[in-house]
Amino acid sequence: MLRTRRQLLGLVVGATLVAAVSACANPPEAPAPAEALRHDLEPLTSRWPAIAQPVSATWAAGVQGMEITPSRIDVPGPSDYWLQAIITLDPAVAEALRTRTVGNEPAPVASDSGPRLRAELVPSLPGGEFRTSRELDAEFATPEFKPRAYLQVSGNVLVLVAYTS
């Protein structure tokens, strides 16, 4: 009987080692990359009513940290989502956001660095200076997303860089 237990234990340990080595040699498939660039407005207008009825948008969304590279494999767990959008607002909506004041301080103030976007969105970003502020960010905060908002100084473009919190 003792010999049978040892044999069984040996089989279990052997099978475990084979499974572990196989998992290391064959990492899980990479998750799908970020969604392709999108231009539909409803997911944005339903999430952020303050953009009203925008003229157009280019945006992408995905799961934060779900990247598999030769040197790194993320372990499954709670997911954080990101959404980045370049939105051309109706001129009246852009002007209302631009001139809105909070207390006695005009908002928003000039941004030092401007929006940092994923490479696939950068070609859609128009030139020019963008402004940002805590008040502008708060305008677009939702229970789901805490975005950083950037408004074009002399245009109608709003950029939202949002992550789940």
N, C-alpha and C. Protein backbone atom coordinates (compact mmCIF):
# COMPACT_ATOMS: atom_id res chain seq x y z
N MET A 1 0.83 -1.19 0.00
CA MET A 1 0.00 0.00 0.00
C MET A 1 0.87 1.25 0.00
N LEU A 2 1.93 1.23 0.81
CA LEU A 2 2.82 2.38 0.86
C LEU A 2 3.41 2.65 -0.52
N ARG A 3 3.74 1.62 -1.23
CA ARG A 3 4.29 1.78 -2.56
C ARG A 3 3.26 2.42 -3.49
N THR A 4 2.01 2.07 -3.38
CA THR A 4 0.94 2.63 -4.20
C THR A 4 0.76 4.12 -3.91
N ARG A 5 0.81 4.49 -2.67
CA ARG A 5 0.70 5.92 -2.31
C ARG A 5 1.87 6.70 -2.90
N ARG A 6 3.05 6.14 -2.82
CA ARG A 6 4.22 6.81 -3.40
C ARG A 6 4.07 6.95 -4.91
N GLN A 7 3.58 5.90 -5.53
CA GLN A 7 3.38 5.96 -6.98
C GLN A 7 2.34 7.03 -7.32
N LEU A 8 1.24 7.06 -6.57
CA LEU A 8 0.20 8.06 -6.80
C LEU A 8 0.74 9.47 -6.58
N LEU A 9 1.50 9.64 -5.49
CA LEU A 9 2.10 10.94 -5.21
C LEU A 9 3.06 11.33 -6.34
N GLY A 10 3.84 10.38 -6.81
CA GLY A 10 4.76 10.64 -7.92
C GLY A 10 4.03 11.06 -9.18
N LEU A 11 2.91 10.41 -9.47
CA LEU A 11 2.11 10.78 -10.64
C LEU A 11 1.55 12.20 -10.50
N VAL A 12 1.04 12.52 -9.31
CA VAL A 12 0.47 13.85 -9.08
C VAL A 12 1.56 14.93 -9.21
N VAL A 13 2.70 14.71 -8.58
CA VAL A 13 3.80 15.68 -8.66
C VAL A 13 4.28 15.80 -10.10
N GLY A 14 4.41 14.68 -10.78
CA GLY A 14 4.85 14.71 -12.18
C GLY A 14 3.89 15.46 -13.06
N ALA A 15 2.60 15.22 -12.90
CA ALA A 15 1.59 15.91 -13.71
C ALA A 15 1.61 17.40 -13.42
N THR A 16 1.79 17.76 -12.16
CA THR A 16 1.85 19.18 -11.79
C THR A 16 3.05 19.85 -12.43
N LEU A 17 4.19 19.18 -12.40
CA LEU A 17 5.40 19.75 -13.02
C LEU A 17 5.23 19.89 -14.53
N VAL A 18 4.64 18.90 -15.17
CA VAL A 18 4.41 18.98 -16.62
C VAL A 18 3.49 20.16 -16.94
N ALA A 19 2.43 20.33 -16.16
CA ALA A 19 1.49 21.45 -16.38
C ALA A 19 2.19 22.78 -16.18
N ALA A 20 3.02 22.88 -15.15
CA ALA A 20 3.72 24.14 -14.86
C ALA A 20 4.71 24.48 -15.96
N VAL A 21 5.47 23.50 -16.41
CA VAL A 21 6.45 23.74 -17.48
C VAL A 21 5.73 24.09 -18.77
N SER A 22 4.62 23.42 -19.04
CA SER A 22 3.85 23.69 -20.25
C SER A 22 3.30 25.11 -20.23
N ALA A 23 2.82 25.57 -19.08
CA ALA A 23 2.29 26.93 -18.97
C ALA A 23 3.37 27.96 -19.20
N CYS A 24 4.57 27.68 -18.72
CA CYS A 24 5.67 28.63 -18.92
C CYS A 24 6.11 28.65 -20.38
N ALA A 25 6.12 27.49 -21.02
CA ALA A 25 6.56 27.40 -22.41
C ALA A 25 5.51 27.95 -23.36
N ASN A 26 4.24 27.89 -22.97
CA ASN A 26 3.15 28.35 -23.83
C ASN A 26 2.31 29.36 -23.06
N PRO A 27 2.76 30.62 -22.97
CA PRO A 27 1.99 31.61 -22.22
C PRO A 27 0.62 31.80 -22.85
N PRO A 28 -0.35 32.29 -22.07
CA PRO A 28 -1.68 32.51 -22.62
C PRO A 28 -1.63 33.49 -23.78
N GLU A 29 -2.61 33.37 -24.67
CA GLU A 29 -2.66 34.28 -25.80
C GLU A 29 -2.82 35.70 -25.30
N ALA A 30 -2.23 36.61 -26.05
CA ALA A 30 -2.35 38.02 -25.70
C ALA A 30 -3.80 38.44 -25.83
N PRO A 31 -4.30 39.27 -24.90
CA PRO A 31 -5.67 39.76 -25.05
C PRO A 31 -5.75 40.63 -26.29
N ALA A 32 -6.94 40.76 -26.78
CA ALA A 32 -7.12 41.61 -27.95
C ALA A 32 -6.60 43.00 -27.65
N PRO A 33 -5.95 43.64 -28.61
CA PRO A 33 -5.46 45.00 -28.38
C PRO A 33 -6.62 45.96 -28.20
N ALA A 34 -6.29 47.18 -27.85
CA ALA A 34 -7.33 48.19 -27.67
C ALA A 34 -8.26 48.17 -28.87
N GLU A 35 -9.51 48.46 -28.60
CA GLU A 35 -10.45 48.51 -29.70
C GLU A 35 -9.93 49.46 -30.77
N ALA A 36 -10.32 49.19 -31.98
CA ALA A 36 -9.95 50.08 -33.08
C ALA A 36 -10.53 51.45 -32.80
N LEU A 37 -10.00 52.44 -33.47
CA LEU A 37 -10.53 53.79 -33.29
C LEU A 37 -12.02 53.79 -33.62
N ARG A 38 -12.75 54.48 -32.79
CA ARG A 38 -14.20 54.55 -32.95
C ARG A 38 -14.61 55.98 -33.21
N HIS A 39 -15.79 56.12 -33.82
CA HIS A 39 -16.31 57.45 -34.13
C HIS A 39 -17.77 57.60 -33.72
N ASP A 40 -18.35 56.56 -33.12
CA ASP A 40 -19.73 56.64 -32.69
C ASP A 40 -19.83 57.55 -31.47
N LEU A 41 -20.91 58.30 -31.40
CA LEU A 41 -21.05 59.33 -30.37
C LEU A 41 -21.85 58.87 -29.14
N GLU A 42 -22.79 57.96 -29.33
CA GLU A 42 -23.70 57.59 -28.24
C GLU A 42 -22.99 57.11 -26.98
N PRO A 43 -21.95 56.27 -27.07
CA PRO A 43 -21.28 55.87 -25.82
C PRO A 43 -20.67 57.05 -25.07
N LEU A 44 -20.29 58.09 -25.78
CA LEU A 44 -19.72 59.27 -25.13
C LEU A 44 -20.80 60.19 -24.58
N THR A 45 -21.84 60.46 -25.38
CA THR A 45 -22.90 61.37 -24.93
C THR A 45 -23.70 60.77 -23.79
N SER A 46 -23.85 59.45 -23.76
CA SER A 46 -24.58 58.85 -22.65
C SER A 46 -23.75 58.87 -21.37
N ARG A 47 -22.45 58.80 -21.49
CA ARG A 47 -21.56 58.80 -20.32
C ARG A 47 -21.31 60.23 -19.83
N TRP A 48 -21.19 61.19 -20.75
CA TRP A 48 -20.86 62.57 -20.40
C TRP A 48 -21.86 63.54 -21.05
N PRO A 49 -22.99 63.78 -20.39
CA PRO A 49 -24.01 64.69 -20.94
C PRO A 49 -23.49 66.10 -21.19
N ALA A 50 -22.44 66.53 -20.51
CA ALA A 50 -21.92 67.89 -20.68
C ALA A 50 -21.38 68.14 -22.08
N ILE A 51 -21.12 67.08 -22.85
CA ILE A 51 -20.65 67.32 -24.23
C ILE A 51 -21.81 67.58 -25.18
N ALA A 52 -23.04 67.46 -24.67
CA ALA A 52 -24.26 67.71 -25.43
C ALA A 52 -24.27 66.87 -26.71
N GLN A 53 -24.42 67.52 -27.85
CA GLN A 53 -24.43 66.83 -29.14
C GLN A 53 -23.18 67.23 -29.92
N PRO A 54 -22.08 66.51 -29.72
CA PRO A 54 -20.84 66.88 -30.39
C PRO A 54 -20.93 66.73 -31.90
N VAL A 55 -20.04 67.45 -32.58
CA VAL A 55 -19.97 67.39 -34.03
C VAL A 55 -19.37 66.05 -34.47
N SER A 56 -18.30 65.63 -33.79
CA SER A 56 -17.64 64.37 -34.14
C SER A 56 -16.75 63.94 -32.97
N ALA A 57 -16.26 62.71 -33.07
CA ALA A 57 -15.35 62.20 -32.05
C ALA A 57 -14.51 61.08 -32.64
N THR A 58 -13.30 60.98 -32.13
CA THR A 58 -12.42 59.86 -32.41
C THR A 58 -11.97 59.36 -31.05
N TRP A 59 -12.20 58.08 -30.78
CA TRP A 59 -11.89 57.59 -29.45
C TRP A 59 -11.54 56.11 -29.47
N ALA A 60 -10.96 55.68 -28.36
CA ALA A 60 -10.60 54.28 -28.18
C ALA A 60 -10.73 53.97 -26.70
N ALA A 61 -10.93 52.70 -26.39
CA ALA A 61 -11.04 52.26 -25.01
C ALA A 61 -10.44 50.87 -24.89
N GLY A 62 -10.08 50.51 -23.68
CA GLY A 62 -9.50 49.19 -23.46
C GLY A 62 -9.31 48.90 -21.99
N VAL A 63 -8.60 47.81 -21.74
CA VAL A 63 -8.32 47.36 -20.37
C VAL A 63 -6.90 47.76 -20.03
N GLN A 64 -6.75 48.47 -18.93
CA GLN A 64 -5.44 48.94 -18.48
C GLN A 64 -4.60 47.77 -18.00
N GLY A 65 -3.36 47.70 -18.47
CA GLY A 65 -2.42 46.73 -17.94
C GLY A 65 -2.56 45.33 -18.50
N MET A 66 -3.42 45.11 -19.48
CA MET A 66 -3.58 43.78 -20.05
C MET A 66 -2.69 43.64 -21.28
N GLU A 67 -1.42 43.62 -21.05
CA GLU A 67 -0.48 43.48 -22.15
C GLU A 67 0.46 42.33 -21.84
N ILE A 68 0.72 41.54 -22.84
CA ILE A 68 1.66 40.45 -22.70
C ILE A 68 2.84 40.75 -23.61
N THR A 69 4.00 40.81 -23.02
CA THR A 69 5.23 41.03 -23.77
C THR A 69 6.18 39.89 -23.43
N PRO A 70 7.26 39.74 -24.20
CA PRO A 70 8.19 38.66 -23.87
C PRO A 70 8.73 38.72 -22.45
N SER A 71 8.78 39.91 -21.87
CA SER A 71 9.35 40.03 -20.53
C SER A 71 8.29 40.15 -19.43
N ARG A 72 6.98 40.18 -19.82
CA ARG A 72 5.97 40.39 -18.79
C ARG A 72 4.64 39.76 -19.19
N ILE A 73 4.04 39.05 -18.25
CA ILE A 73 2.70 38.51 -18.42
C ILE A 73 1.91 38.96 -17.21
N ASP A 74 0.83 39.74 -17.42
CA ASP A 74 0.00 40.19 -16.32
C ASP A 74 -0.87 39.04 -15.82
N VAL A 75 -1.05 39.00 -14.53
CA VAL A 75 -1.88 37.99 -13.90
C VAL A 75 -3.32 38.48 -13.93
N PRO A 76 -4.27 37.62 -14.25
CA PRO A 76 -5.67 38.06 -14.25
C PRO A 76 -6.09 38.57 -12.88
N GLY A 77 -6.95 39.54 -12.88
CA GLY A 77 -7.44 40.10 -11.63
C GLY A 77 -8.40 41.22 -11.94
N PRO A 78 -8.70 42.05 -10.97
CA PRO A 78 -9.60 43.17 -11.24
C PRO A 78 -9.04 44.04 -12.37
N SER A 79 -9.90 44.47 -13.24
CA SER A 79 -9.46 45.24 -14.40
C SER A 79 -9.78 46.72 -14.24
N ASP A 80 -8.86 47.54 -14.67
CA ASP A 80 -9.08 48.97 -14.77
C ASP A 80 -9.22 49.29 -16.25
N TYR A 81 -10.20 50.10 -16.56
CA TYR A 81 -10.46 50.44 -17.95
C TYR A 81 -10.00 51.85 -18.24
N TRP A 82 -9.67 52.11 -19.50
CA TRP A 82 -9.30 53.44 -19.94
C TRP A 82 -10.14 53.81 -21.15
N LEU A 83 -10.32 55.09 -21.32
CA LEU A 83 -11.02 55.63 -22.49
C LEU A 83 -10.35 56.95 -22.81
N GLN A 84 -9.97 57.13 -24.06
CA GLN A 84 -9.39 58.39 -24.50
C GLN A 84 -10.19 58.85 -25.71
N ALA A 85 -10.62 60.12 -25.67
CA ALA A 85 -11.49 60.64 -26.71
C ALA A 85 -11.06 62.04 -27.14
N ILE A 86 -11.09 62.27 -28.43
CA ILE A 86 -10.89 63.60 -29.01
C ILE A 86 -12.26 63.97 -29.58
N ILE A 87 -12.89 64.96 -28.97
CA ILE A 87 -14.29 65.28 -29.28
C ILE A 87 -14.37 66.70 -29.82
N THR A 88 -14.96 66.86 -30.99
CA THR A 88 -15.22 68.19 -31.52
C THR A 88 -16.62 68.59 -31.05
N LEU A 89 -16.65 69.59 -30.19
CA LEU A 89 -17.90 70.04 -29.59
C LEU A 89 -18.62 71.04 -30.48
N ASP A 90 -19.91 71.19 -30.23
CA ASP A 90 -20.66 72.29 -30.82
C ASP A 90 -19.99 73.57 -30.32
N PRO A 91 -19.78 74.58 -31.17
CA PRO A 91 -19.08 75.79 -30.73
C PRO A 91 -19.68 76.44 -29.48
N ALA A 92 -20.99 76.44 -29.33
CA ALA A 92 -21.61 77.05 -28.15
C ALA A 92 -21.27 76.26 -26.88
N VAL A 93 -21.21 74.96 -26.97
CA VAL A 93 -20.86 74.13 -25.81
C VAL A 93 -19.40 74.36 -25.44
N ALA A 94 -18.52 74.41 -26.46
CA ALA A 94 -17.10 74.67 -26.19
C ALA A 94 -16.91 76.03 -25.54
N GLU A 95 -17.60 77.03 -26.02
CA GLU A 95 -17.46 78.38 -25.46
C GLU A 95 -18.00 78.43 -24.03
N ALA A 96 -19.09 77.76 -23.76
CA ALA A 96 -19.64 77.73 -22.40
C ALA A 96 -18.65 77.07 -21.44
N LEU A 97 -18.03 75.98 -21.86
CA LEU A 97 -17.02 75.34 -21.02
C LEU A 97 -15.81 76.24 -20.83
N ARG A 98 -15.42 76.91 -21.89
CA ARG A 98 -14.23 77.75 -21.86
C ARG A 98 -14.41 78.96 -20.94
N THR A 99 -15.58 79.55 -20.93
CA THR A 99 -15.79 80.79 -20.18
C THR A 99 -16.41 80.57 -18.80
N ARG A 100 -16.78 79.33 -18.49
CA ARG A 100 -17.38 79.04 -17.19
C ARG A 100 -16.43 79.46 -16.08
N THR A 101 -16.95 80.06 -15.01
CA THR A 101 -16.11 80.45 -13.87
C THR A 101 -16.50 79.64 -12.65
N VAL A 102 -15.53 79.46 -11.78
CA VAL A 102 -15.75 78.78 -10.51
C VAL A 102 -15.30 79.76 -9.45
N GLY A 103 -16.24 80.27 -8.65
CA GLY A 103 -15.91 81.33 -7.70
C GLY A 103 -15.49 82.55 -8.52
N ASN A 104 -14.36 83.16 -8.15
CA ASN A 104 -13.85 84.31 -8.89
C ASN A 104 -12.74 83.94 -9.86
N GLU A 105 -12.41 82.67 -9.90
CA GLU A 105 -11.30 82.24 -10.76
C GLU A 105 -11.82 81.75 -12.10
N PRO A 106 -11.28 82.27 -13.19
CA PRO A 106 -11.69 81.74 -14.49
C PRO A 106 -11.17 80.31 -14.65
N ALA A 107 -11.95 79.53 -15.32
CA ALA A 107 -11.54 78.15 -15.57
C ALA A 107 -11.76 77.86 -17.04
N PRO A 108 -11.02 77.07 -17.63
CA PRO A 108 -9.85 76.37 -17.14
C PRO A 108 -8.58 77.19 -17.34
N VAL A 109 -7.50 76.76 -16.73
CA VAL A 109 -6.20 77.43 -16.86
C VAL A 109 -5.34 76.67 -17.86
N ALA A 110 -4.30 77.30 -18.36
CA ALA A 110 -3.46 76.68 -19.38
C ALA A 110 -2.82 75.40 -18.86
N SER A 111 -2.78 74.41 -19.71
CA SER A 111 -2.15 73.14 -19.38
C SER A 111 -0.67 73.20 -19.73
N ASP A 112 0.17 72.68 -18.84
CA ASP A 112 1.60 72.69 -19.10
C ASP A 112 1.99 71.70 -20.20
N SER A 113 1.42 70.52 -20.17
CA SER A 113 1.90 69.49 -21.08
C SER A 113 0.91 69.09 -22.15
N GLY A 114 -0.34 69.40 -22.00
CA GLY A 114 -1.33 68.95 -22.97
C GLY A 114 -1.64 67.48 -22.75
N PRO A 115 -2.62 66.99 -23.48
CA PRO A 115 -3.04 65.61 -23.28
C PRO A 115 -2.00 64.61 -23.78
N ARG A 116 -1.83 63.53 -23.03
CA ARG A 116 -0.98 62.41 -23.46
C ARG A 116 -1.90 61.31 -23.93
N LEU A 117 -1.79 60.99 -25.21
CA LEU A 117 -2.70 60.03 -25.81
C LEU A 117 -1.96 58.81 -26.32
N ARG A 118 -2.70 57.74 -26.50
CA ARG A 118 -2.16 56.54 -27.12
C ARG A 118 -1.75 56.87 -28.55
N ALA A 119 -0.77 56.16 -29.03
CA ALA A 119 -0.18 56.44 -30.35
C ALA A 119 -1.22 56.47 -31.46
N GLU A 120 -2.21 55.57 -31.41
CA GLU A 120 -3.18 55.52 -32.50
C GLU A 120 -4.10 56.74 -32.54
N LEU A 121 -4.20 57.48 -31.43
CA LEU A 121 -5.04 58.68 -31.39
C LEU A 121 -4.29 59.96 -31.75
N VAL A 122 -2.99 59.97 -31.58
CA VAL A 122 -2.19 61.19 -31.77
C VAL A 122 -2.43 61.85 -33.14
N PRO A 123 -2.50 61.10 -34.25
CA PRO A 123 -2.73 61.77 -35.54
C PRO A 123 -4.05 62.53 -35.62
N SER A 124 -5.03 62.18 -34.78
CA SER A 124 -6.33 62.86 -34.79
C SER A 124 -6.36 64.11 -33.92
N LEU A 125 -5.32 64.34 -33.14
CA LEU A 125 -5.28 65.49 -32.24
C LEU A 125 -4.91 66.75 -33.01
N PRO A 126 -5.78 67.75 -33.00
CA PRO A 126 -5.43 68.99 -33.70
C PRO A 126 -4.36 69.76 -32.93
N GLY A 127 -3.65 70.61 -33.63
CA GLY A 127 -2.64 71.44 -32.98
C GLY A 127 -3.28 72.50 -32.12
N GLY A 128 -2.46 73.26 -31.48
CA GLY A 128 -2.95 74.35 -30.65
C GLY A 128 -2.79 74.06 -29.17
N GLU A 129 -3.05 75.09 -28.39
CA GLU A 129 -2.93 75.00 -26.95
C GLU A 129 -4.22 74.46 -26.35
N PHE A 130 -4.07 73.65 -25.31
CA PHE A 130 -5.21 73.11 -24.58
C PHE A 130 -5.18 73.63 -23.15
N ARG A 131 -6.35 73.71 -22.54
CA ARG A 131 -6.46 74.13 -21.15
C ARG A 131 -7.10 73.03 -20.33
N THR A 132 -6.77 73.06 -19.04
CA THR A 132 -7.33 72.08 -18.13
C THR A 132 -7.47 72.70 -16.74
N SER A 133 -8.28 72.10 -15.91
CA SER A 133 -8.43 72.53 -14.51
C SER A 133 -9.15 71.45 -13.75
N ARG A 134 -9.08 71.54 -12.43
CA ARG A 134 -9.83 70.59 -11.59
C ARG A 134 -11.33 70.73 -11.84
N GLU A 135 -11.78 71.96 -12.04
CA GLU A 135 -13.19 72.20 -12.28
C GLU A 135 -13.64 71.56 -13.60
N LEU A 136 -12.80 71.68 -14.63
CA LEU A 136 -13.13 71.06 -15.91
C LEU A 136 -13.14 69.53 -15.76
N ASP A 137 -12.17 68.99 -15.05
CA ASP A 137 -12.15 67.55 -14.80
C ASP A 137 -13.42 67.12 -14.07
N ALA A 138 -13.82 67.89 -13.06
CA ALA A 138 -15.01 67.56 -12.28
C ALA A 138 -16.27 67.58 -13.13
N GLU A 139 -16.29 68.42 -14.15
CA GLU A 139 -17.43 68.50 -15.06
C GLU A 139 -17.69 67.16 -15.74
N PHE A 140 -16.64 66.36 -15.91
CA PHE A 140 -16.75 65.10 -16.64
C PHE A 140 -16.54 63.87 -15.75
N ALA A 141 -16.39 64.07 -14.44
CA ALA A 141 -16.23 62.94 -13.53
C ALA A 141 -17.55 62.18 -13.42
N THR A 142 -17.46 60.88 -13.41
CA THR A 142 -18.62 60.00 -13.23
C THR A 142 -18.26 58.99 -12.15
N PRO A 143 -19.23 58.25 -11.65
CA PRO A 143 -18.87 57.19 -10.70
C PRO A 143 -17.92 56.16 -11.33
N GLU A 144 -18.00 55.99 -12.63
CA GLU A 144 -17.19 55.00 -13.32
C GLU A 144 -15.80 55.54 -13.69
N PHE A 145 -15.74 56.75 -14.23
CA PHE A 145 -14.48 57.31 -14.74
C PHE A 145 -14.11 58.61 -14.04
N LYS A 146 -12.83 58.78 -13.82
CA LYS A 146 -12.27 60.04 -13.31
C LYS A 146 -11.35 60.58 -14.41
N PRO A 147 -11.88 61.40 -15.30
CA PRO A 147 -11.07 61.82 -16.44
C PRO A 147 -10.25 63.08 -16.17
N ARG A 148 -9.26 63.24 -16.99
CA ARG A 148 -8.52 64.49 -17.10
C ARG A 148 -9.05 65.09 -18.40
N ALA A 149 -9.57 66.31 -18.34
CA ALA A 149 -10.19 66.96 -19.49
C ALA A 149 -9.31 68.11 -19.97
N TYR A 150 -9.18 68.22 -21.27
CA TYR A 150 -8.39 69.27 -21.90
C TYR A 150 -9.26 69.95 -22.95
N LEU A 151 -9.35 71.27 -22.89
CA LEU A 151 -10.16 72.03 -23.84
C LEU A 151 -9.27 72.91 -24.68
N GLN A 152 -9.47 72.86 -25.98
CA GLN A 152 -8.68 73.67 -26.90
C GLN A 152 -8.95 75.15 -26.64
N VAL A 153 -7.89 75.95 -26.59
CA VAL A 153 -8.00 77.37 -26.27
C VAL A 153 -8.76 78.12 -27.36
N SER A 154 -8.42 77.90 -28.60
CA SER A 154 -9.06 78.66 -29.67
C SER A 154 -9.70 77.72 -30.68
N GLY A 155 -10.44 76.77 -30.19
CA GLY A 155 -11.13 75.83 -31.04
C GLY A 155 -12.23 75.15 -30.25
N ASN A 156 -12.77 74.10 -30.80
CA ASN A 156 -13.92 73.43 -30.19
C ASN A 156 -13.61 72.00 -29.78
N VAL A 157 -12.35 71.67 -29.62
CA VAL A 157 -11.97 70.29 -29.32
C VAL A 157 -11.79 70.09 -27.82
N LEU A 158 -12.40 69.02 -27.34
CA LEU A 158 -12.25 68.58 -25.96
C LEU A 158 -11.59 67.22 -26.00
N VAL A 159 -10.57 67.02 -25.17
CA VAL A 159 -9.90 65.73 -25.07
C VAL A 159 -10.15 65.19 -23.67
N LEU A 160 -10.63 63.95 -23.61
CA LEU A 160 -10.83 63.29 -22.32
C LEU A 160 -9.90 62.09 -22.24
N VAL A 161 -9.12 62.04 -21.16
CA VAL A 161 -8.24 60.91 -20.88
C VAL A 161 -8.77 60.34 -19.57
N ALA A 162 -9.49 59.23 -19.65
CA ALA A 162 -10.22 58.73 -18.50
C ALA A 162 -9.81 57.31 -18.14
N TYR A 163 -9.78 57.06 -16.84
CA TYR A 163 -9.50 55.74 -16.30
C TYR A 163 -10.51 55.44 -15.22
N THR A 164 -10.83 54.16 -15.04
CA THR A 164 -11.72 53.82 -13.93
C THR A 164 -10.94 53.98 -12.64
N SER A 165 -11.66 54.26 -11.61
CA SER A 165 -10.99 54.49 -10.32
C SER A 165 -11.22 53.37 -9.36
